[in-house]
Amino acid sequence: MLDRRAPSLQGFSTGFLNWVESAALARQSKKYYCNGWRLLSKTHLVGMRLDHITKDDVEGLSFSGTASNTNCALRNDVIILARDTGMRNQRELYCMRTENLDWNNRIIFVPDSKTADGRRMIPMSDRVYELLRVRAEGKGEGWLFPSKPIEVRSFDGPGKAVSHGACEGRTC
């Protein structure tokens, strides 16, 4: 009789890592997957069977000494905001300021967008309201998402690169 139990995370990782090495993936993707498994191998999940790992187990993971916890939270916030609001990443989401949030009316004002019609008021869902409250906690004004000033390059034809500041005047 065949053993039909789900494998442990450790048992699954062997086959997965073999696939990563033999698959036609970009070098950076291979490094990403291998690093993820390296981090997981140091957690309590490594010996658990896959069918016993719960959402709470995964959400409770912490990887000390890495920026992954912060990056993961930031990525999740951006995904939720993009999905719930329809805001574009570069000019709208990443350049969101606390001054553009109307807490009483639960409205996000988008002062700059890709198009003229993009300048608009967006209602906050309960989930967006709570997420933005946490991000804006203790901030009277300023950017909600930390970053270094960035420069965006677009191309107006062959050999004609034009630089645009994504968040004009941003210093953080």
N, C-alpha and C. Protein backbone atom coordinates (compact mmCIF):
# COMPACT_ATOMS: atom_id res chain seq x y z
N MET A 1 0.84 -1.17 0.00
CA MET A 1 0.00 0.00 0.00
C MET A 1 0.90 1.25 0.00
N LEU A 2 0.49 2.26 -0.77
CA LEU A 2 1.24 3.50 -0.84
C LEU A 2 0.93 4.39 0.35
N ASP A 3 1.95 5.09 0.81
CA ASP A 3 1.76 6.06 1.89
C ASP A 3 1.18 7.33 1.28
N ARG A 4 -0.04 7.69 1.67
CA ARG A 4 -0.74 8.83 1.08
C ARG A 4 -0.65 10.09 1.95
N ARG A 5 0.17 10.06 2.96
CA ARG A 5 0.30 11.24 3.82
C ARG A 5 1.07 12.33 3.10
N ALA A 6 0.72 13.56 3.42
CA ALA A 6 1.46 14.69 2.85
C ALA A 6 2.88 14.67 3.40
N PRO A 7 3.85 15.10 2.60
CA PRO A 7 5.23 15.12 3.08
C PRO A 7 5.45 16.26 4.06
N SER A 8 6.53 16.17 4.80
CA SER A 8 6.92 17.30 5.65
C SER A 8 7.45 18.40 4.76
N LEU A 9 7.56 19.58 5.30
CA LEU A 9 8.13 20.68 4.55
C LEU A 9 9.56 20.34 4.12
N GLN A 10 10.31 19.72 5.02
CA GLN A 10 11.68 19.32 4.70
C GLN A 10 11.70 18.32 3.55
N GLY A 11 10.81 17.33 3.59
CA GLY A 11 10.74 16.34 2.52
C GLY A 11 10.35 16.97 1.19
N PHE A 12 9.44 17.91 1.23
CA PHE A 12 9.01 18.60 0.03
C PHE A 12 10.13 19.47 -0.54
N SER A 13 10.92 20.07 0.35
CA SER A 13 11.96 21.00 -0.10
C SER A 13 12.99 20.34 -0.99
N THR A 14 13.31 19.08 -0.75
CA THR A 14 14.32 18.38 -1.55
C THR A 14 13.91 18.36 -3.02
N GLY A 15 12.68 17.92 -3.28
CA GLY A 15 12.19 17.88 -4.65
C GLY A 15 12.05 19.27 -5.26
N PHE A 16 11.60 20.20 -4.45
CA PHE A 16 11.42 21.56 -4.95
C PHE A 16 12.75 22.18 -5.33
N LEU A 17 13.75 22.04 -4.48
CA LEU A 17 15.06 22.62 -4.78
C LEU A 17 15.71 21.96 -5.99
N ASN A 18 15.47 20.65 -6.17
CA ASN A 18 15.97 19.98 -7.37
C ASN A 18 15.32 20.58 -8.61
N TRP A 19 14.01 20.85 -8.52
CA TRP A 19 13.30 21.48 -9.64
C TRP A 19 13.87 22.87 -9.92
N VAL A 20 14.10 23.66 -8.85
CA VAL A 20 14.64 25.01 -9.03
C VAL A 20 15.96 24.97 -9.79
N GLU A 21 16.83 24.05 -9.42
CA GLU A 21 18.15 23.96 -10.07
C GLU A 21 18.04 23.54 -11.53
N SER A 22 17.08 22.66 -11.86
CA SER A 22 16.99 22.17 -13.24
C SER A 22 16.06 22.99 -14.11
N ALA A 23 15.22 23.84 -13.53
CA ALA A 23 14.26 24.63 -14.30
C ALA A 23 14.95 25.77 -15.04
N ALA A 24 14.28 26.23 -16.08
CA ALA A 24 14.81 27.36 -16.87
C ALA A 24 14.37 28.67 -16.21
N LEU A 25 14.90 28.93 -15.04
CA LEU A 25 14.58 30.15 -14.30
C LEU A 25 15.75 31.13 -14.39
N ALA A 26 15.43 32.40 -14.26
CA ALA A 26 16.50 33.40 -14.20
C ALA A 26 17.34 33.15 -12.96
N ARG A 27 18.61 33.49 -13.04
CA ARG A 27 19.54 33.28 -11.92
C ARG A 27 19.02 33.91 -10.63
N GLN A 28 18.47 35.12 -10.74
CA GLN A 28 17.96 35.82 -9.56
C GLN A 28 16.77 35.08 -8.95
N SER A 29 15.92 34.49 -9.78
CA SER A 29 14.78 33.71 -9.28
C SER A 29 15.26 32.49 -8.52
N LYS A 30 16.28 31.82 -9.05
CA LYS A 30 16.83 30.66 -8.37
C LYS A 30 17.39 31.04 -6.99
N LYS A 31 18.10 32.16 -6.94
CA LYS A 31 18.64 32.64 -5.66
C LYS A 31 17.51 32.95 -4.67
N TYR A 32 16.44 33.56 -5.18
CA TYR A 32 15.29 33.92 -4.35
C TYR A 32 14.67 32.67 -3.72
N TYR A 33 14.41 31.66 -4.53
CA TYR A 33 13.81 30.42 -4.01
C TYR A 33 14.73 29.72 -3.02
N CYS A 34 16.01 29.63 -3.35
CA CYS A 34 16.96 28.97 -2.45
C CYS A 34 17.07 29.71 -1.12
N ASN A 35 17.09 31.03 -1.16
CA ASN A 35 17.15 31.80 0.07
C ASN A 35 15.87 31.62 0.89
N GLY A 36 14.73 31.57 0.22
CA GLY A 36 13.47 31.32 0.93
C GLY A 36 13.49 30.00 1.67
N TRP A 37 13.96 28.96 1.02
CA TRP A 37 14.04 27.66 1.68
C TRP A 37 15.08 27.66 2.80
N ARG A 38 16.17 28.41 2.59
CA ARG A 38 17.18 28.51 3.66
C ARG A 38 16.54 29.13 4.91
N LEU A 39 15.76 30.18 4.73
CA LEU A 39 15.10 30.83 5.87
C LEU A 39 14.06 29.90 6.51
N LEU A 40 13.27 29.22 5.68
CA LEU A 40 12.25 28.31 6.21
C LEU A 40 12.86 27.14 6.97
N SER A 41 14.04 26.70 6.56
CA SER A 41 14.67 25.54 7.21
C SER A 41 15.02 25.81 8.66
N LYS A 42 15.05 27.09 9.06
CA LYS A 42 15.39 27.44 10.44
C LYS A 42 14.16 27.69 11.29
N THR A 43 12.97 27.40 10.77
CA THR A 43 11.73 27.64 11.51
C THR A 43 11.16 26.34 12.05
N HIS A 44 10.15 26.48 12.90
CA HIS A 44 9.47 25.31 13.46
C HIS A 44 8.66 24.56 12.41
N LEU A 45 8.42 25.16 11.26
CA LEU A 45 7.61 24.53 10.22
C LEU A 45 8.33 23.41 9.49
N VAL A 46 9.65 23.40 9.53
CA VAL A 46 10.44 22.49 8.71
C VAL A 46 10.06 21.02 8.92
N GLY A 47 9.72 20.63 10.11
CA GLY A 47 9.37 19.23 10.37
C GLY A 47 7.88 18.94 10.26
N MET A 48 7.08 19.95 10.02
CA MET A 48 5.62 19.77 9.95
C MET A 48 5.20 19.21 8.59
N ARG A 49 4.15 18.39 8.61
CA ARG A 49 3.58 17.92 7.35
C ARG A 49 2.86 19.08 6.69
N LEU A 50 2.91 19.13 5.37
CA LEU A 50 2.32 20.24 4.63
C LEU A 50 0.83 20.43 4.94
N ASP A 51 0.11 19.33 5.14
CA ASP A 51 -1.33 19.46 5.40
C ASP A 51 -1.65 19.89 6.84
N HIS A 52 -0.63 20.06 7.67
CA HIS A 52 -0.83 20.53 9.04
C HIS A 52 -0.38 21.97 9.25
N ILE A 53 0.21 22.58 8.24
CA ILE A 53 0.66 23.97 8.34
C ILE A 53 -0.54 24.88 8.10
N THR A 54 -0.84 25.72 9.09
CA THR A 54 -2.01 26.60 9.01
C THR A 54 -1.62 28.01 8.59
N LYS A 55 -2.62 28.78 8.27
CA LYS A 55 -2.42 30.19 7.92
C LYS A 55 -1.77 30.92 9.10
N ASP A 56 -2.20 30.62 10.32
CA ASP A 56 -1.61 31.25 11.50
C ASP A 56 -0.13 30.91 11.64
N ASP A 57 0.23 29.66 11.32
CA ASP A 57 1.64 29.27 11.36
C ASP A 57 2.47 30.13 10.41
N VAL A 58 1.96 30.32 9.21
CA VAL A 58 2.69 31.08 8.19
C VAL A 58 2.75 32.55 8.55
N GLU A 59 1.62 33.12 8.98
CA GLU A 59 1.60 34.55 9.32
C GLU A 59 2.44 34.86 10.55
N GLY A 60 2.68 33.87 11.38
CA GLY A 60 3.49 34.08 12.58
C GLY A 60 4.98 33.96 12.36
N LEU A 61 5.39 33.66 11.13
CA LEU A 61 6.81 33.50 10.85
C LEU A 61 7.55 34.82 10.99
N SER A 62 8.76 34.73 11.50
CA SER A 62 9.62 35.89 11.63
C SER A 62 11.04 35.45 11.30
N PHE A 63 11.71 36.24 10.49
CA PHE A 63 13.07 35.91 10.08
C PHE A 63 14.00 36.98 10.61
N SER A 64 14.54 36.75 11.78
CA SER A 64 15.40 37.75 12.40
C SER A 64 16.64 37.98 11.57
N GLY A 65 17.09 39.23 11.59
CA GLY A 65 18.31 39.58 10.87
C GLY A 65 18.11 39.82 9.39
N THR A 66 16.84 39.82 8.93
CA THR A 66 16.58 40.09 7.52
C THR A 66 15.56 41.21 7.41
N ALA A 67 15.53 41.79 6.25
CA ALA A 67 14.54 42.84 5.99
C ALA A 67 13.25 42.23 5.47
N SER A 68 13.15 40.91 5.42
CA SER A 68 12.00 40.28 4.79
C SER A 68 10.69 40.57 5.51
N ASN A 69 10.70 40.69 6.83
CA ASN A 69 9.45 40.98 7.54
C ASN A 69 8.91 42.34 7.14
N THR A 70 9.76 43.34 7.13
CA THR A 70 9.34 44.68 6.74
C THR A 70 8.91 44.70 5.29
N ASN A 71 9.71 44.09 4.43
CA ASN A 71 9.39 44.08 3.00
C ASN A 71 8.09 43.35 2.74
N CYS A 72 7.84 42.26 3.45
CA CYS A 72 6.63 41.48 3.27
C CYS A 72 5.42 42.31 3.68
N ALA A 73 5.49 42.99 4.82
CA ALA A 73 4.38 43.83 5.28
C ALA A 73 4.13 44.96 4.30
N LEU A 74 5.19 45.58 3.82
CA LEU A 74 5.07 46.67 2.86
C LEU A 74 4.43 46.16 1.57
N ARG A 75 4.92 45.03 1.08
CA ARG A 75 4.36 44.45 -0.15
C ARG A 75 2.88 44.12 0.03
N ASN A 76 2.51 43.54 1.17
CA ASN A 76 1.11 43.20 1.41
C ASN A 76 0.25 44.46 1.45
N ASP A 77 0.73 45.51 2.10
CA ASP A 77 -0.01 46.77 2.16
C ASP A 77 -0.21 47.34 0.76
N VAL A 78 0.82 47.34 -0.05
CA VAL A 78 0.72 47.88 -1.40
C VAL A 78 -0.28 47.07 -2.22
N ILE A 79 -0.24 45.75 -2.09
CA ILE A 79 -1.17 44.90 -2.84
C ILE A 79 -2.61 45.17 -2.42
N ILE A 80 -2.85 45.25 -1.13
CA ILE A 80 -4.21 45.53 -0.63
C ILE A 80 -4.68 46.89 -1.13
N LEU A 81 -3.84 47.90 -1.03
CA LEU A 81 -4.23 49.24 -1.47
C LEU A 81 -4.50 49.27 -2.98
N ALA A 82 -3.65 48.64 -3.76
CA ALA A 82 -3.85 48.62 -5.20
C ALA A 82 -5.16 47.93 -5.56
N ARG A 83 -5.43 46.80 -4.92
CA ARG A 83 -6.64 46.05 -5.22
C ARG A 83 -7.90 46.77 -4.76
N ASP A 84 -7.87 47.33 -3.56
CA ASP A 84 -9.08 47.94 -3.01
C ASP A 84 -9.36 49.34 -3.55
N THR A 85 -8.32 50.03 -4.02
CA THR A 85 -8.52 51.41 -4.46
C THR A 85 -8.39 51.60 -5.97
N GLY A 86 -7.70 50.71 -6.64
CA GLY A 86 -7.45 50.87 -8.07
C GLY A 86 -6.36 51.89 -8.36
N MET A 87 -5.62 52.29 -7.33
CA MET A 87 -4.56 53.28 -7.52
C MET A 87 -3.38 52.67 -8.26
N ARG A 88 -2.73 53.48 -9.09
CA ARG A 88 -1.52 53.05 -9.78
C ARG A 88 -0.35 53.12 -8.80
N ASN A 89 0.61 52.22 -8.96
CA ASN A 89 1.73 52.14 -8.01
C ASN A 89 2.58 53.39 -7.95
N GLN A 90 3.20 53.75 -9.06
CA GLN A 90 4.29 54.72 -9.04
C GLN A 90 3.89 56.11 -8.59
N ARG A 91 2.98 56.74 -9.24
CA ARG A 91 2.65 58.13 -8.92
C ARG A 91 1.56 58.25 -7.87
N GLU A 92 0.74 57.26 -7.73
CA GLU A 92 -0.41 57.38 -6.84
C GLU A 92 -0.17 56.73 -5.48
N LEU A 93 0.13 55.46 -5.50
CA LEU A 93 0.33 54.73 -4.23
C LEU A 93 1.61 55.12 -3.52
N TYR A 94 2.74 55.01 -4.21
CA TYR A 94 4.02 55.25 -3.57
C TYR A 94 4.21 56.70 -3.15
N CYS A 95 3.47 57.60 -3.77
CA CYS A 95 3.60 59.03 -3.46
C CYS A 95 2.48 59.52 -2.55
N MET A 96 1.77 58.60 -1.91
CA MET A 96 0.67 58.98 -1.02
C MET A 96 1.21 59.69 0.21
N ARG A 97 0.54 60.79 0.55
CA ARG A 97 0.93 61.60 1.71
C ARG A 97 -0.23 61.64 2.69
N THR A 98 0.10 61.78 3.98
CA THR A 98 -0.94 61.83 5.01
C THR A 98 -1.85 63.03 4.80
N GLU A 99 -1.32 64.12 4.24
CA GLU A 99 -2.14 65.31 4.01
C GLU A 99 -3.27 65.05 3.01
N ASN A 100 -3.15 64.00 2.22
CA ASN A 100 -4.16 63.69 1.21
C ASN A 100 -5.18 62.66 1.68
N LEU A 101 -5.20 62.40 2.98
CA LEU A 101 -6.16 61.45 3.54
C LEU A 101 -7.19 62.21 4.37
N ASP A 102 -8.44 62.06 4.01
CA ASP A 102 -9.54 62.68 4.75
C ASP A 102 -10.15 61.57 5.62
N TRP A 103 -9.71 61.52 6.88
CA TRP A 103 -10.12 60.45 7.79
C TRP A 103 -11.61 60.51 8.09
N ASN A 104 -12.16 61.72 8.27
CA ASN A 104 -13.58 61.86 8.63
C ASN A 104 -14.51 61.34 7.54
N ASN A 105 -14.17 61.62 6.29
CA ASN A 105 -15.02 61.18 5.17
C ASN A 105 -14.50 59.91 4.49
N ARG A 106 -13.39 59.40 5.02
CA ARG A 106 -12.77 58.18 4.47
C ARG A 106 -12.51 58.31 2.98
N ILE A 107 -11.76 59.35 2.63
CA ILE A 107 -11.45 59.65 1.24
C ILE A 107 -9.93 59.80 1.07
N ILE A 108 -9.41 59.26 -0.03
CA ILE A 108 -8.01 59.46 -0.43
C ILE A 108 -8.04 60.42 -1.63
N PHE A 109 -7.31 61.51 -1.53
CA PHE A 109 -7.20 62.43 -2.65
C PHE A 109 -5.93 62.09 -3.41
N VAL A 110 -6.06 61.89 -4.72
CA VAL A 110 -4.91 61.62 -5.59
C VAL A 110 -4.62 62.90 -6.37
N PRO A 111 -3.59 63.67 -5.95
CA PRO A 111 -3.31 64.95 -6.59
C PRO A 111 -2.56 64.86 -7.92
N ASP A 112 -1.88 63.74 -8.16
CA ASP A 112 -1.09 63.61 -9.37
C ASP A 112 -1.25 62.20 -9.90
N SER A 113 -1.48 62.08 -11.18
CA SER A 113 -1.67 60.78 -11.78
C SER A 113 -1.12 60.76 -13.20
N LYS A 114 -1.22 59.63 -13.83
CA LYS A 114 -0.72 59.46 -15.20
C LYS A 114 -1.53 60.31 -16.18
N THR A 115 -2.82 60.45 -15.92
CA THR A 115 -3.70 61.22 -16.80
C THR A 115 -4.41 62.30 -16.00
N ALA A 116 -4.99 63.27 -16.69
CA ALA A 116 -5.73 64.35 -16.01
C ALA A 116 -6.92 63.79 -15.25
N ASP A 117 -7.60 62.79 -15.81
CA ASP A 117 -8.74 62.18 -15.12
C ASP A 117 -8.32 61.38 -13.90
N GLY A 118 -7.03 61.08 -13.80
CA GLY A 118 -6.53 60.31 -12.66
C GLY A 118 -6.52 61.10 -11.36
N ARG A 119 -6.57 62.42 -11.46
CA ARG A 119 -6.65 63.28 -10.28
C ARG A 119 -8.07 63.14 -9.74
N ARG A 120 -8.20 62.49 -8.57
CA ARG A 120 -9.54 62.13 -8.12
C ARG A 120 -9.60 61.86 -6.63
N MET A 121 -10.82 61.63 -6.15
CA MET A 121 -11.08 61.24 -4.77
C MET A 121 -11.45 59.75 -4.79
N ILE A 122 -10.85 58.98 -3.89
CA ILE A 122 -11.11 57.54 -3.82
C ILE A 122 -11.64 57.20 -2.43
N PRO A 123 -12.79 56.53 -2.35
CA PRO A 123 -13.30 56.13 -1.03
C PRO A 123 -12.44 55.03 -0.42
N MET A 124 -12.33 55.04 0.90
CA MET A 124 -11.57 54.01 1.63
C MET A 124 -12.52 52.91 2.09
N SER A 125 -12.18 51.68 1.76
CA SER A 125 -12.91 50.54 2.33
C SER A 125 -12.49 50.44 3.80
N ASP A 126 -13.20 49.64 4.58
CA ASP A 126 -12.81 49.45 5.99
C ASP A 126 -11.38 48.93 6.08
N ARG A 127 -11.04 48.00 5.20
CA ARG A 127 -9.70 47.41 5.21
C ARG A 127 -8.64 48.45 4.89
N VAL A 128 -8.88 49.30 3.89
CA VAL A 128 -7.94 50.35 3.52
C VAL A 128 -7.83 51.38 4.65
N TYR A 129 -8.96 51.73 5.24
CA TYR A 129 -8.96 52.70 6.34
C TYR A 129 -8.06 52.22 7.48
N GLU A 130 -8.22 50.97 7.90
CA GLU A 130 -7.43 50.41 9.00
C GLU A 130 -5.94 50.33 8.62
N LEU A 131 -5.66 49.90 7.41
CA LEU A 131 -4.28 49.79 6.95
C LEU A 131 -3.61 51.16 6.93
N LEU A 132 -4.30 52.17 6.40
CA LEU A 132 -3.71 53.51 6.33
C LEU A 132 -3.57 54.13 7.72
N ARG A 133 -4.49 53.82 8.62
CA ARG A 133 -4.39 54.32 10.00
C ARG A 133 -3.09 53.83 10.64
N VAL A 134 -2.77 52.57 10.45
CA VAL A 134 -1.54 52.00 11.00
C VAL A 134 -0.33 52.66 10.35
N ARG A 135 -0.34 52.81 9.02
CA ARG A 135 0.78 53.42 8.31
C ARG A 135 0.99 54.88 8.71
N ALA A 136 -0.11 55.60 8.96
CA ALA A 136 -0.03 57.04 9.24
C ALA A 136 0.13 57.34 10.72
N GLU A 137 0.10 56.32 11.57
CA GLU A 137 0.18 56.53 13.01
C GLU A 137 1.40 57.36 13.39
N GLY A 138 1.13 58.46 14.10
CA GLY A 138 2.21 59.32 14.56
C GLY A 138 2.74 60.29 13.52
N LYS A 139 2.18 60.26 12.32
CA LYS A 139 2.63 61.17 11.26
C LYS A 139 1.58 62.24 11.04
N GLY A 140 1.94 63.49 11.28
CA GLY A 140 1.03 64.59 10.99
C GLY A 140 1.02 64.92 9.52
N GLU A 141 2.16 64.70 8.89
CA GLU A 141 2.28 64.96 7.46
C GLU A 141 3.43 64.13 6.92
N GLY A 142 3.48 64.02 5.60
CA GLY A 142 4.60 63.31 4.97
C GLY A 142 4.17 62.07 4.22
N TRP A 143 5.19 61.38 3.70
CA TRP A 143 4.99 60.19 2.88
C TRP A 143 4.57 59.00 3.73
N LEU A 144 3.67 58.17 3.20
CA LEU A 144 3.26 56.96 3.92
C LEU A 144 4.19 55.78 3.66
N PHE A 145 4.86 55.78 2.52
CA PHE A 145 5.73 54.67 2.16
C PHE A 145 7.17 55.14 2.10
N PRO A 146 8.05 54.52 2.92
CA PRO A 146 9.45 54.95 2.95
C PRO A 146 10.17 54.55 1.67
N SER A 147 11.00 55.45 1.20
CA SER A 147 11.84 55.11 0.06
C SER A 147 12.88 56.19 -0.13
N LYS A 148 13.82 55.89 -0.98
CA LYS A 148 14.80 56.88 -1.40
C LYS A 148 14.18 57.63 -2.57
N PRO A 149 14.58 58.87 -2.81
CA PRO A 149 14.08 59.55 -4.00
C PRO A 149 14.43 58.73 -5.24
N ILE A 150 13.49 58.65 -6.16
CA ILE A 150 13.72 57.85 -7.36
C ILE A 150 13.57 58.71 -8.60
N GLU A 151 14.19 58.25 -9.65
CA GLU A 151 14.06 58.90 -10.94
C GLU A 151 13.51 57.87 -11.90
N VAL A 152 12.48 58.25 -12.63
CA VAL A 152 11.87 57.36 -13.60
C VAL A 152 12.29 57.80 -14.99
N ARG A 153 12.70 56.84 -15.80
CA ARG A 153 13.12 57.18 -17.16
C ARG A 153 12.10 56.62 -18.14
N SER A 154 11.69 57.46 -19.06
CA SER A 154 10.82 57.00 -20.13
C SER A 154 11.54 57.27 -21.45
N PHE A 155 11.07 56.68 -22.50
CA PHE A 155 11.73 56.82 -23.78
C PHE A 155 10.78 57.46 -24.78
N ASP A 156 11.20 58.58 -25.34
CA ASP A 156 10.41 59.30 -26.33
C ASP A 156 10.91 58.99 -27.74
N GLY A 157 11.30 57.76 -27.95
CA GLY A 157 11.83 57.37 -29.25
C GLY A 157 13.24 56.83 -29.09
N PRO A 158 13.79 56.28 -30.14
CA PRO A 158 15.13 55.69 -30.08
C PRO A 158 16.17 56.70 -29.61
N GLY A 159 16.88 56.33 -28.55
CA GLY A 159 17.97 57.15 -28.05
C GLY A 159 17.56 58.44 -27.37
N LYS A 160 16.27 58.62 -27.08
CA LYS A 160 15.79 59.86 -26.46
C LYS A 160 15.20 59.58 -25.09
N ALA A 161 16.05 59.28 -24.13
CA ALA A 161 15.59 59.01 -22.76
C ALA A 161 15.28 60.33 -22.08
N VAL A 162 14.16 60.37 -21.37
CA VAL A 162 13.75 61.56 -20.64
C VAL A 162 13.57 61.17 -19.18
N SER A 163 14.12 61.96 -18.26
CA SER A 163 13.99 61.66 -16.84
C SER A 163 12.82 62.44 -16.25
N HIS A 164 12.07 61.77 -15.40
CA HIS A 164 10.96 62.38 -14.69
C HIS A 164 11.09 62.01 -13.23
N GLY A 165 10.86 62.92 -12.32
CA GLY A 165 10.83 62.56 -10.91
C GLY A 165 9.49 61.94 -10.60
N ALA A 166 9.47 60.74 -10.05
CA ALA A 166 8.20 60.08 -9.76
C ALA A 166 7.42 60.84 -8.69
N CYS A 167 8.06 61.23 -7.65
CA CYS A 167 7.43 62.02 -6.58
C CYS A 167 8.22 63.31 -6.51
N GLU A 168 7.78 64.30 -7.22
CA GLU A 168 8.53 65.56 -7.33
C GLU A 168 8.89 66.11 -5.97
N GLY A 169 10.15 66.45 -5.78
CA GLY A 169 10.61 67.06 -4.55
C GLY A 169 10.68 66.12 -3.36
N ARG A 170 10.56 64.85 -3.60
CA ARG A 170 10.53 63.88 -2.49
C ARG A 170 11.89 63.74 -1.86
N THR A 171 11.93 63.89 -0.55
CA THR A 171 13.14 63.62 0.21
C THR A 171 12.72 62.84 1.43
N CYS A 172 13.19 61.62 1.52
CA CYS A 172 12.85 60.80 2.68
C CYS A 172 13.94 59.80 2.95
